[in-house]
Amino acid sequence: MRRRTFLQKKSTIALVVIILAIVIVGLFMGLGGLPSSGPAVSVSSFQTDKDQYHSKETMKVQVTLTSDTRLENVKIFLEGIKDRYGELHLKKNTTLTLIPGTNTVNLEYQLPTCSKCSGIDPGDYPLNLSVVQNGVQIARGVHTVHLEQ
């Protein structure tokens, strides 16, 4: 029987350590994953009062957020209605304090004229929602509305 050299024993130990690390990480991920690095906030609902709008109508937006903790200075950004030149016509934001549980935010926006001249053609437009704290996006959502003349 051949005796193992010191280098072979060292390689075997390194391989066993790597395999154990992979198994432990795999088990950990299977039990719920790594702990989150930030607060748990989710967009429970992101909706408008209608699905279809006409030029100059007022759009009412309601956002419902769920938070696991109290969070201060949370910024809500709502953007959308991009014209053919790439300019966003909807740019709303607000700052609030989230409480544990359900939080509702209501925003209103008067829609621009939907016409060839304004660069806003009839069609579907995504509205993008970002929830930001300390410059870090902690939740987001998208809702699509249809614009007509």
Protein backbone atom coordinates (compact mmCIF):
# COMPACT_ATOMS: atom_id res chain seq x y z
CA MET A 1 0.00 0.00 0.00
CA ARG A 2 1.31 3.39 -0.93
CA ARG A 3 1.65 6.11 1.66
CA ARG A 4 0.07 9.45 0.91
CA THR A 5 2.35 12.40 0.70
CA PHE A 6 1.82 15.50 2.77
CA LEU A 7 0.67 17.41 -0.33
CA GLN A 8 -1.97 14.79 -1.16
CA LYS A 9 -3.34 14.91 2.41
CA LYS A 10 -3.49 18.70 2.25
CA SER A 11 -5.39 18.57 -1.07
CA THR A 12 -7.88 16.06 0.33
CA ILE A 13 -8.56 18.23 3.41
CA ALA A 14 -9.09 21.31 1.20
CA LEU A 15 -11.55 19.38 -0.98
CA VAL A 16 -13.52 18.17 2.06
CA VAL A 17 -13.71 21.73 3.45
CA ILE A 18 -15.01 23.06 0.10
CA ILE A 19 -17.64 20.32 -0.15
CA LEU A 20 -18.80 20.98 3.44
CA ALA A 21 -19.06 24.71 2.70
CA ILE A 22 -21.19 24.02 -0.38
CA VAL A 23 -23.47 21.68 1.58
CA ILE A 24 -23.89 24.16 4.44
CA VAL A 25 -24.67 27.06 2.08
CA GLY A 26 -27.14 24.85 0.19
CA LEU A 27 -28.93 23.90 3.41
CA PHE A 28 -28.99 27.51 4.54
CA MET A 29 -30.49 28.66 1.24
CA GLY A 30 -33.11 25.92 1.45
CA LEU A 31 -34.20 27.13 4.90
CA GLY A 32 -35.15 30.61 3.77
CA GLY A 33 -31.97 32.03 2.37
CA LEU A 34 -29.57 34.57 3.63
CA PRO A 35 -30.87 37.21 6.02
CA SER A 36 -32.05 40.35 4.24
CA SER A 37 -29.79 43.36 4.37
CA GLY A 38 -32.59 45.88 4.62
CA PRO A 39 -36.17 46.43 5.67
CA ALA A 40 -38.87 44.28 4.15
CA VAL A 41 -41.23 46.49 2.17
CA SER A 42 -43.49 45.25 -0.60
CA VAL A 43 -45.93 46.84 -3.00
CA SER A 44 -49.23 45.15 -2.14
CA SER A 45 -51.22 47.13 -4.68
CA PHE A 46 -50.45 49.72 -7.38
CA GLN A 47 -53.54 50.85 -9.28
CA THR A 48 -55.28 53.74 -10.97
CA ASP A 49 -58.95 54.67 -10.71
CA LYS A 50 -59.42 53.71 -14.40
CA ASP A 51 -57.55 51.70 -17.00
CA GLN A 52 -58.23 54.11 -19.88
CA TYR A 53 -57.87 57.89 -19.86
CA HIS A 54 -58.39 60.78 -22.27
CA SER A 55 -56.45 64.02 -22.72
CA LYS A 56 -56.39 66.34 -19.69
CA GLU A 57 -58.21 63.91 -17.38
CA THR A 58 -57.15 63.61 -13.76
CA MET A 59 -55.66 60.22 -12.97
CA LYS A 60 -55.92 59.03 -9.38
CA VAL A 61 -53.20 56.60 -8.31
CA GLN A 62 -53.34 54.49 -5.17
CA VAL A 63 -50.32 52.62 -3.85
CA THR A 64 -50.54 50.21 -0.94
CA LEU A 65 -47.27 49.25 0.72
CA THR A 66 -46.66 46.66 3.40
CA SER A 67 -43.76 47.19 5.78
CA ASP A 68 -42.40 45.00 8.53
CA THR A 69 -40.97 47.97 10.49
CA ARG A 70 -41.35 51.71 10.97
CA LEU A 71 -39.33 53.51 8.29
CA GLU A 72 -38.84 57.26 8.16
CA ASN A 73 -37.99 59.43 5.16
CA VAL A 74 -39.16 56.90 2.59
CA LYS A 75 -39.48 58.43 -0.87
CA ILE A 76 -42.11 57.30 -3.35
CA PHE A 77 -41.33 58.10 -7.00
CA LEU A 78 -43.96 57.74 -9.73
CA GLU A 79 -42.85 58.21 -13.33
CA GLY A 80 -44.32 57.50 -16.74
CA ILE A 81 -46.10 58.80 -19.86
CA LYS A 82 -42.98 59.00 -22.02
CA ASP A 83 -43.48 60.91 -25.26
CA ARG A 84 -41.89 59.98 -28.59
CA TYR A 85 -38.96 62.29 -27.80
CA GLY A 86 -38.13 60.34 -24.63
CA GLU A 87 -39.39 62.94 -22.15
CA LEU A 88 -41.35 61.79 -19.11
CA HIS A 89 -44.53 63.78 -18.51
CA LEU A 90 -45.43 62.12 -15.20
CA LYS A 91 -42.89 62.79 -12.46
CA LYS A 92 -44.39 62.75 -8.98
CA ASN A 93 -42.74 62.05 -5.66
CA THR A 94 -43.59 62.23 -2.01
CA THR A 95 -41.81 61.51 1.26
CA LEU A 96 -43.49 59.64 4.09
CA THR A 97 -43.02 57.51 7.16
CA LEU A 98 -44.10 53.89 6.84
CA ILE A 99 -45.59 52.17 9.84
CA PRO A 100 -45.54 48.40 10.40
CA GLY A 101 -48.34 46.85 8.39
CA THR A 102 -50.34 48.44 5.58
CA ASN A 103 -49.65 51.97 4.30
CA THR A 104 -51.70 53.69 1.57
CA VAL A 105 -50.47 56.57 -0.61
CA ASN A 106 -52.80 58.50 -2.94
CA LEU A 107 -51.47 60.66 -5.77
CA GLU A 108 -53.22 62.66 -8.50
CA TYR A 109 -51.92 63.69 -11.89
CA GLN A 110 -53.52 65.70 -14.68
CA LEU A 111 -52.76 63.93 -17.93
CA PRO A 112 -51.26 65.86 -20.84
CA THR A 113 -52.91 66.23 -24.21
CA CYS A 114 -52.75 63.00 -26.16
CA SER A 115 -52.03 64.05 -29.74
CA LYS A 116 -49.49 63.87 -32.54
CA CYS A 117 -48.43 67.46 -31.80
CA SER A 118 -47.60 66.75 -28.14
CA GLY A 119 -45.64 63.61 -29.03
CA ILE A 120 -47.97 61.43 -26.98
CA ASP A 121 -49.73 58.97 -29.23
CA PRO A 122 -52.77 56.95 -28.15
CA GLY A 123 -51.69 53.64 -26.62
CA ASP A 124 -50.46 51.85 -23.52
CA TYR A 125 -48.04 53.59 -21.15
CA PRO A 126 -46.26 51.98 -18.19
CA LEU A 127 -46.19 53.83 -14.87
CA ASN A 128 -43.09 53.01 -12.81
CA LEU A 129 -43.14 53.14 -9.03
CA SER A 130 -39.99 53.18 -6.90
CA VAL A 131 -39.85 53.09 -3.11
CA VAL A 132 -36.50 54.43 -1.91
CA GLN A 133 -34.88 54.82 1.49
CA ASN A 134 -31.42 56.35 1.97
CA GLY A 135 -30.85 56.27 -1.78
CA VAL A 136 -31.56 52.53 -2.01
CA GLN A 137 -34.58 51.15 -3.85
CA ILE A 138 -36.42 48.86 -1.44
CA ALA A 139 -39.52 48.11 -3.55
CA ARG A 140 -40.91 48.76 -7.01
CA GLY A 141 -43.95 48.23 -9.15
CA VAL A 142 -45.30 48.79 -12.65
CA HIS A 143 -48.84 49.55 -13.76
CA THR A 144 -49.97 50.20 -17.34
CA VAL A 145 -52.64 52.68 -18.42
CA HIS A 146 -54.15 53.29 -21.85
CA LEU A 147 -54.35 56.82 -23.25
CA GLU A 148 -56.78 58.03 -25.93
CA GLN A 149 -57.36 61.47 -27.42
